[in-house]
Amino acid sequence: MTRFGYNYINTICELKGVQIVVLHCEDKKTIEEELTEDMMSLLACFSGRLYGLQSHKNKAREKVEEDEQTNA
């Protein structure tokens, strides 16, 4: 499955004598629907990264606080 560049992939395959067979074709979506899905995917990806970074910072902070309490 590809979101972008299908025409390039198809052209390269045709030049090499390879035929693309579509096994599952979703109904055509409007440009607005595709854009909305892409934006939601990007938002989910960046949110996951942001929360992951915050989680690592919190764990590091907790470790430092534990070490300070142990050494005090």
PDB file of N, CA and C in Angstrom:
ATOM      1  N   MET A   1       0.843  -1.170   0.000  1.00  0.00           N
ATOM      2  CA  MET A   1       0.000   0.000   0.000  1.00  0.00           C
ATOM      3  C   MET A   1       0.891   1.236   0.000  1.00  0.00           C
ATOM      4  N   THR A   2       0.502   2.198  -0.778  1.00  0.00           N
ATOM      5  CA  THR A   2       1.257   3.442  -0.853  1.00  0.00           C
ATOM      6  C   THR A   2       0.298   4.622  -0.834  1.00  0.00           C
ATOM      7  N   ARG A   3       0.682   5.645  -0.134  1.00  0.00           N
ATOM      8  CA  ARG A   3      -0.126   6.859  -0.113  1.00  0.00           C
ATOM      9  C   ARG A   3       0.367   7.841  -1.168  1.00  0.00           C
ATOM     10  N   PHE A   4       1.671   7.869  -1.339  1.00  0.00           N
ATOM     11  CA  PHE A   4       2.270   8.834  -2.238  1.00  0.00           C
ATOM     12  C   PHE A   4       3.147   8.122  -3.250  1.00  0.00           C
ATOM     13  N   GLY A   5       3.236   8.677  -4.433  1.00  0.00           N
ATOM     14  CA  GLY A   5       4.176   8.172  -5.420  1.00  0.00           C
ATOM     15  C   GLY A   5       3.740   6.933  -6.173  1.00  0.00           C
ATOM     16  N   TYR A   6       2.460   6.598  -6.151  1.00  0.00           N
ATOM     17  CA  TYR A   6       2.013   5.391  -6.848  1.00  0.00           C
ATOM     18  C   TYR A   6       2.356   5.456  -8.331  1.00  0.00           C
ATOM     19  N   ASN A   7       2.161   6.612  -8.940  1.00  0.00           N
ATOM     20  CA  ASN A   7       2.426   6.727 -10.379  1.00  0.00           C
ATOM     21  C   ASN A   7       3.889   6.450 -10.696  1.00  0.00           C
ATOM     22  N   TYR A   8       4.806   6.896  -9.823  1.00  0.00           N
ATOM     23  CA  TYR A   8       6.227   6.627 -10.039  1.00  0.00           C
ATOM     24  C   TYR A   8       6.513   5.134  -9.936  1.00  0.00           C
ATOM     25  N   ILE A   9       5.958   4.498  -8.926  1.00  0.00           N
ATOM     26  CA  ILE A   9       6.162   3.063  -8.734  1.00  0.00           C
ATOM     27  C   ILE A   9       5.587   2.292  -9.913  1.00  0.00           C
ATOM     28  N   ASN A  10       4.400   2.681 -10.345  1.00  0.00           N
ATOM     29  CA  ASN A  10       3.748   2.011 -11.466  1.00  0.00           C
ATOM     30  C   ASN A  10       4.579   2.155 -12.740  1.00  0.00           C
ATOM     31  N   THR A  11       5.109   3.342 -12.985  1.00  0.00           N
ATOM     32  CA  THR A  11       5.930   3.577 -14.177  1.00  0.00           C
ATOM     33  C   THR A  11       7.191   2.711 -14.164  1.00  0.00           C
ATOM     34  N   ILE A  12       7.857   2.655 -13.024  1.00  0.00           N
ATOM     35  CA  ILE A  12       9.065   1.837 -12.902  1.00  0.00           C
ATOM     36  C   ILE A  12       8.739   0.365 -13.131  1.00  0.00           C
ATOM     37  N   CYS A  13       7.640  -0.095 -12.553  1.00  0.00           N
ATOM     38  CA  CYS A  13       7.237  -1.496 -12.734  1.00  0.00           C
ATOM     39  C   CYS A  13       6.939  -1.797 -14.190  1.00  0.00           C
ATOM     40  N   GLU A  14       6.246  -0.883 -14.858  1.00  0.00           N
ATOM     41  CA  GLU A  14       5.939  -1.092 -16.274  1.00  0.00           C
ATOM     42  C   GLU A  14       7.211  -1.158 -17.108  1.00  0.00           C
ATOM     43  N   LEU A  15       8.198  -0.305 -16.788  1.00  0.00           N
ATOM     44  CA  LEU A  15       9.459  -0.325 -17.528  1.00  0.00           C
ATOM     45  C   LEU A  15      10.206  -1.639 -17.336  1.00  0.00           C
ATOM     46  N   LYS A  16      10.028  -2.260 -16.192  1.00  0.00           N
ATOM     47  CA  LYS A  16      10.693  -3.534 -15.886  1.00  0.00           C
ATOM     48  C   LYS A  16       9.837  -4.741 -16.264  1.00  0.00           C
ATOM     49  N   GLY A  17       8.652  -4.494 -16.823  1.00  0.00           N
ATOM     50  CA  GLY A  17       7.786  -5.593 -17.235  1.00  0.00           C
ATOM     51  C   GLY A  17       7.034  -6.242 -16.092  1.00  0.00           C
ATOM     52  N   VAL A  18       6.847  -5.501 -15.003  1.00  0.00           N
ATOM     53  CA  VAL A  18       6.149  -6.025 -13.832  1.00  0.00           C
ATOM     54  C   VAL A  18       4.747  -5.428 -13.784  1.00  0.00           C
ATOM     55  N   GLN A  19       3.779  -6.282 -13.510  1.00  0.00           N
ATOM     56  CA  GLN A  19       2.395  -5.827 -13.425  1.00  0.00           C
ATOM     57  C   GLN A  19       1.992  -5.719 -11.958  1.00  0.00           C
ATOM     58  N   ILE A  20       1.351  -4.614 -11.595  1.00  0.00           N
ATOM     59  CA  ILE A  20       0.845  -4.433 -10.238  1.00  0.00           C
ATOM     60  C   ILE A  20      -0.583  -4.956 -10.190  1.00  0.00           C
ATOM     61  N   VAL A  21      -0.845  -5.826  -9.217  1.00  0.00           N
ATOM     62  CA  VAL A  21      -2.187  -6.366  -9.039  1.00  0.00           C
ATOM     63  C   VAL A  21      -2.729  -5.835  -7.719  1.00  0.00           C
ATOM     64  N   VAL A  22      -3.860  -5.131  -7.781  1.00  0.00           N
ATOM     65  CA  VAL A  22      -4.481  -4.567  -6.583  1.00  0.00           C
ATOM     66  C   VAL A  22      -5.395  -5.620  -5.985  1.00  0.00           C
ATOM     67  N   LEU A  23      -5.100  -6.045  -4.750  1.00  0.00           N
ATOM     68  CA  LEU A  23      -5.891  -7.082  -4.096  1.00  0.00           C
ATOM     69  C   LEU A  23      -7.084  -6.509  -3.345  1.00  0.00           C
ATOM     70  N   HIS A  24      -6.914  -5.327  -2.793  1.00  0.00           N
ATOM     71  CA  HIS A  24      -7.992  -4.736  -2.014  1.00  0.00           C
ATOM     72  C   HIS A  24      -8.001  -3.244  -2.322  1.00  0.00           C
ATOM     73  N   CYS A  25      -9.025  -2.817  -2.966  1.00  0.00           N
ATOM     74  CA  CYS A  25      -9.121  -1.407  -3.335  1.00  0.00           C
ATOM     75  C   CYS A  25     -10.247  -0.767  -2.543  1.00  0.00           C
ATOM     76  N   GLU A  26      -9.890   0.240  -1.748  1.00  0.00           N
ATOM     77  CA  GLU A  26     -10.909   0.944  -0.986  1.00  0.00           C
ATOM     78  C   GLU A  26     -11.687   1.862  -1.919  1.00  0.00           C
ATOM     79  N   ASP A  27     -12.875   2.231  -1.488  1.00  0.00           N
ATOM     80  CA  ASP A  27     -13.663   3.172  -2.281  1.00  0.00           C
ATOM     81  C   ASP A  27     -12.902   4.481  -2.399  1.00  0.00           C
ATOM     82  N   LYS A  28     -13.168   5.168  -3.476  1.00  0.00           N
ATOM     83  CA  LYS A  28     -12.513   6.455  -3.690  1.00  0.00           C
ATOM     84  C   LYS A  28     -12.937   7.417  -2.593  1.00  0.00           C
ATOM     85  N   LYS A  29     -11.965   8.140  -2.062  1.00  0.00           N
ATOM     86  CA  LYS A  29     -12.227   9.123  -1.024  1.00  0.00           C
ATOM     87  C   LYS A  29     -12.053  10.507  -1.616  1.00  0.00           C
ATOM     88  N   THR A  30     -12.731  11.456  -1.008  1.00  0.00           N
ATOM     89  CA  THR A  30     -12.569  12.830  -1.464  1.00  0.00           C
ATOM     90  C   THR A  30     -11.212  13.334  -1.001  1.00  0.00           C
ATOM     91  N   ILE A  31     -10.772  14.395  -1.618  1.00  0.00           N
ATOM     92  CA  ILE A  31      -9.493  14.992  -1.237  1.00  0.00           C
ATOM     93  C   ILE A  31      -9.535  15.406   0.233  1.00  0.00           C
ATOM     94  N   GLU A  32     -10.667  15.918   0.672  1.00  0.00           N
ATOM     95  CA  GLU A  32     -10.802  16.345   2.063  1.00  0.00           C
ATOM     96  C   GLU A  32     -10.667  15.166   3.022  1.00  0.00           C
ATOM     97  N   GLU A  33     -11.259  14.014   2.660  1.00  0.00           N
ATOM     98  CA  GLU A  33     -11.156  12.818   3.502  1.00  0.00           C
ATOM     99  C   GLU A  33      -9.715  12.321   3.582  1.00  0.00           C
ATOM    100  N   GLU A  34      -9.023  12.298   2.448  1.00  0.00           N
ATOM    101  CA  GLU A  34      -7.630  11.861   2.437  1.00  0.00           C
ATOM    102  C   GLU A  34      -6.760  12.805   3.252  1.00  0.00           C
ATOM    103  N   LEU A  35      -6.974  14.116   3.095  1.00  0.00           N
ATOM    104  CA  LEU A  35      -6.194  15.097   3.841  1.00  0.00           C
ATOM    105  C   LEU A  35      -6.443  14.957   5.340  1.00  0.00           C
ATOM    106  N   THR A  36      -7.696  14.751   5.718  1.00  0.00           N
ATOM    107  CA  THR A  36      -8.032  14.582   7.133  1.00  0.00           C
ATOM    108  C   THR A  36      -7.346  13.347   7.703  1.00  0.00           C
ATOM    109  N   GLU A  37      -7.382  12.231   6.992  1.00  0.00           N
ATOM    110  CA  GLU A  37      -6.712  11.011   7.454  1.00  0.00           C
ATOM    111  C   GLU A  37      -5.208  11.221   7.584  1.00  0.00           C
ATOM    112  N   ASP A  38      -4.602  11.907   6.617  1.00  0.00           N
ATOM    113  CA  ASP A  38      -3.167  12.173   6.681  1.00  0.00           C
ATOM    114  C   ASP A  38      -2.827  13.054   7.883  1.00  0.00           C
ATOM    115  N   MET A  39      -3.627  14.080   8.114  1.00  0.00           N
ATOM    116  CA  MET A  39      -3.378  14.975   9.247  1.00  0.00           C
ATOM    117  C   MET A  39      -3.527  14.233  10.577  1.00  0.00           C
ATOM    118  N   MET A  40      -4.516  13.370  10.680  1.00  0.00           N
ATOM    119  CA  MET A  40      -4.716  12.597  11.908  1.00  0.00           C
ATOM    120  C   MET A  40      -3.545  11.642  12.133  1.00  0.00           C
ATOM    121  N   SER A  41      -3.045  11.030  11.079  1.00  0.00           N
ATOM    122  CA  SER A  41      -1.890  10.137  11.195  1.00  0.00           C
ATOM    123  C   SER A  41      -0.657  10.890  11.671  1.00  0.00           C
ATOM    124  N   LEU A  42      -0.425  12.064  11.097  1.00  0.00           N
ATOM    125  CA  LEU A  42       0.711  12.880  11.517  1.00  0.00           C
ATOM    126  C   LEU A  42       0.577  13.314  12.968  1.00  0.00           C
ATOM    127  N   LEU A  43      -0.617  13.729  13.349  1.00  0.00           N
ATOM    128  CA  LEU A  43      -0.862  14.160  14.725  1.00  0.00           C
ATOM    129  C   LEU A  43      -0.612  13.015  15.703  1.00  0.00           C
ATOM    130  N   ALA A  44      -1.083  11.829  15.371  1.00  0.00           N
ATOM    131  CA  ALA A  44      -0.880  10.662  16.237  1.00  0.00           C
ATOM    132  C   ALA A  44       0.609  10.330  16.350  1.00  0.00           C
ATOM    133  N   CYS A  45       1.327  10.404  15.251  1.00  0.00           N
ATOM    134  CA  CYS A  45       2.760  10.102  15.255  1.00  0.00           C
ATOM    135  C   CYS A  45       3.523  11.081  16.130  1.00  0.00           C
ATOM    136  N   PHE A  46       3.313  12.371  15.930  1.00  0.00           N
ATOM    137  CA  PHE A  46       4.036  13.373  16.708  1.00  0.00           C
ATOM    138  C   PHE A  46       3.613  13.390  18.169  1.00  0.00           C
ATOM    139  N   SER A  47       2.346  13.110  18.437  1.00  0.00           N
ATOM    140  CA  SER A  47       1.893  13.038  19.831  1.00  0.00           C
ATOM    141  C   SER A  47       2.584  11.891  20.551  1.00  0.00           C
ATOM    142  N   GLY A  48       2.682  10.769  19.891  1.00  0.00           N
ATOM    143  CA  GLY A  48       3.363   9.616  20.478  1.00  0.00           C
ATOM    144  C   GLY A  48       4.811   9.923  20.789  1.00  0.00           C
ATOM    145  N   ARG A  49       5.478  10.603  19.884  1.00  0.00           N
ATOM    146  CA  ARG A  49       6.877  10.970  20.115  1.00  0.00           C
ATOM    147  C   ARG A  49       7.000  11.942  21.282  1.00  0.00           C
ATOM    148  N   LEU A  50       6.104  12.928  21.312  1.00  0.00           N
ATOM    149  CA  LEU A  50       6.151  13.924  22.378  1.00  0.00           C
ATOM    150  C   LEU A  50       5.922  13.278  23.736  1.00  0.00           C
ATOM    151  N   TYR A  51       4.911  12.436  23.849  1.00  0.00           N
ATOM    152  CA  TYR A  51       4.623  11.783  25.123  1.00  0.00           C
ATOM    153  C   TYR A  51       5.741  10.813  25.500  1.00  0.00           C
ATOM    154  N   GLY A  52       6.352  10.191  24.518  1.00  0.00           N
ATOM    155  CA  GLY A  52       7.482   9.304  24.789  1.00  0.00           C
ATOM    156  C   GLY A  52       8.665  10.074  25.352  1.00  0.00           C
ATOM    157  N   LEU A  53       8.946  11.253  24.790  1.00  0.00           N
ATOM    158  CA  LEU A  53      10.038  12.086  25.293  1.00  0.00           C
ATOM    159  C   LEU A  53       9.756  12.548  26.717  1.00  0.00           C
ATOM    160  N   GLN A  54       8.503  12.946  26.972  1.00  0.00           N
ATOM    161  CA  GLN A  54       8.139  13.382  28.316  1.00  0.00           C
ATOM    162  C   GLN A  54       8.277  12.237  29.305  1.00  0.00           C
ATOM    163  N   SER A  55       7.919  11.039  28.897  1.00  0.00           N
ATOM    164  CA  SER A  55       8.016   9.880  29.769  1.00  0.00           C
ATOM    165  C   SER A  55       9.473   9.616  30.157  1.00  0.00           C
ATOM    166  N   HIS A  56      10.381   9.717  29.179  1.00  0.00           N
ATOM    167  CA  HIS A  56      11.803   9.500  29.457  1.00  0.00           C
ATOM    168  C   HIS A  56      12.346  10.571  30.407  1.00  0.00           C
ATOM    169  N   LYS A  57      11.897  11.823  30.206  1.00  0.00           N
ATOM    170  CA  LYS A  57      12.350  12.900  31.087  1.00  0.00           C
ATOM    171  C   LYS A  57      11.854  12.664  32.512  1.00  0.00           C
ATOM    172  N   ASN A  58      10.600  12.247  32.637  1.00  0.00           N
ATOM    173  CA  ASN A  58      10.039  11.994  33.968  1.00  0.00           C
ATOM    174  C   ASN A  58      10.767  10.853  34.667  1.00  0.00           C
ATOM    175  N   LYS A  59      11.092   9.801  33.943  1.00  0.00           N
ATOM    176  CA  LYS A  59      11.817   8.668  34.524  1.00  0.00           C
ATOM    177  C   LYS A  59      13.207   9.107  34.982  1.00  0.00           C
ATOM    178  N   ALA A  60      13.871   9.930  34.180  1.00  0.00           N
ATOM    179  CA  ALA A  60      15.199  10.410  34.545  1.00  0.00           C
ATOM    180  C   ALA A  60      15.109  11.297  35.786  1.00  0.00           C
ATOM    181  N   ARG A  61      14.094  12.152  35.840  1.00  0.00           N
ATOM    182  CA  ARG A  61      13.910  13.026  36.990  1.00  0.00           C
ATOM    183  C   ARG A  61      13.655  12.203  38.258  1.00  0.00           C
ATOM    184  N   GLU A  62      12.814  11.176  38.144  1.00  0.00           N
ATOM    185  CA  GLU A  62      12.524  10.314  39.294  1.00  0.00           C
ATOM    186  C   GLU A  62      13.791   9.608  39.772  1.00  0.00           C
ATOM    187  N   LYS A  63      14.616   9.174  38.849  1.00  0.00           N
ATOM    188  CA  LYS A  63      15.862   8.487  39.201  1.00  0.00           C
ATOM    189  C   LYS A  63      16.793   9.427  39.961  1.00  0.00           C
ATOM    190  N   VAL A  64      16.901  10.670  39.492  1.00  0.00           N
ATOM    191  CA  VAL A  64      17.750  11.653  40.163  1.00  0.00           C
ATOM    192  C   VAL A  64      17.223  11.921  41.570  1.00  0.00           C
ATOM    193  N   GLU A  65      15.904  12.058  41.714  1.00  0.00           N
ATOM    194  CA  GLU A  65      15.316  12.324  43.020  1.00  0.00           C
ATOM    195  C   GLU A  65      15.554  11.143  43.959  1.00  0.00           C
ATOM    196  N   GLU A  66      15.439   9.915  43.458  1.00  0.00           N
ATOM    197  CA  GLU A  66      15.701   8.722  44.271  1.00  0.00           C
ATOM    198  C   GLU A  66      17.166   8.708  44.744  1.00  0.00           C
ATOM    199  N   ASP A  67      18.079   9.021  43.824  1.00  0.00           N
ATOM    200  CA  ASP A  67      19.498   9.044  44.178  1.00  0.00           C
ATOM    201  C   ASP A  67      19.788  10.104  45.233  1.00  0.00           C
ATOM    202  N   GLU A  68      19.134  11.282  45.104  1.00  0.00           N
ATOM    203  CA  GLU A  68      19.341  12.343  46.079  1.00  0.00           C
ATOM    204  C   GLU A  68      18.836  11.931  47.456  1.00  0.00           C
ATOM    205  N   GLN A  69      17.695  11.250  47.492  1.00  0.00           N
ATOM    206  CA  GLN A  69      17.134  10.809  48.765  1.00  0.00           C
ATOM    207  C   GLN A  69      18.009   9.714  49.389  1.00  0.00           C
ATOM    208  N   THR A  70      18.565   8.850  48.560  1.00  0.00           N
ATOM    209  CA  THR A  70      19.415   7.768  49.050  1.00  0.00           C
ATOM    210  C   THR A  70      20.725   8.330  49.621  1.00  0.00           C
ATOM    211  N   ASN A  71      21.269   9.330  48.962  1.00  0.00           N
ATOM    212  CA  ASN A  71      22.554   9.920  49.383  1.00  0.00           C
ATOM    213  C   ASN A  71      22.387  10.921  50.526  1.00  0.00           C
ATOM    214  N   ALA A  72      21.171  11.338  50.811  1.00  0.00           N
ATOM    215  CA  ALA A  72      20.964  12.360  51.860  1.00  0.00           C
ATOM    216  C   ALA A  72      21.001  11.773  53.240  1.00  0.00           C
TER     217      ALA A  72
END
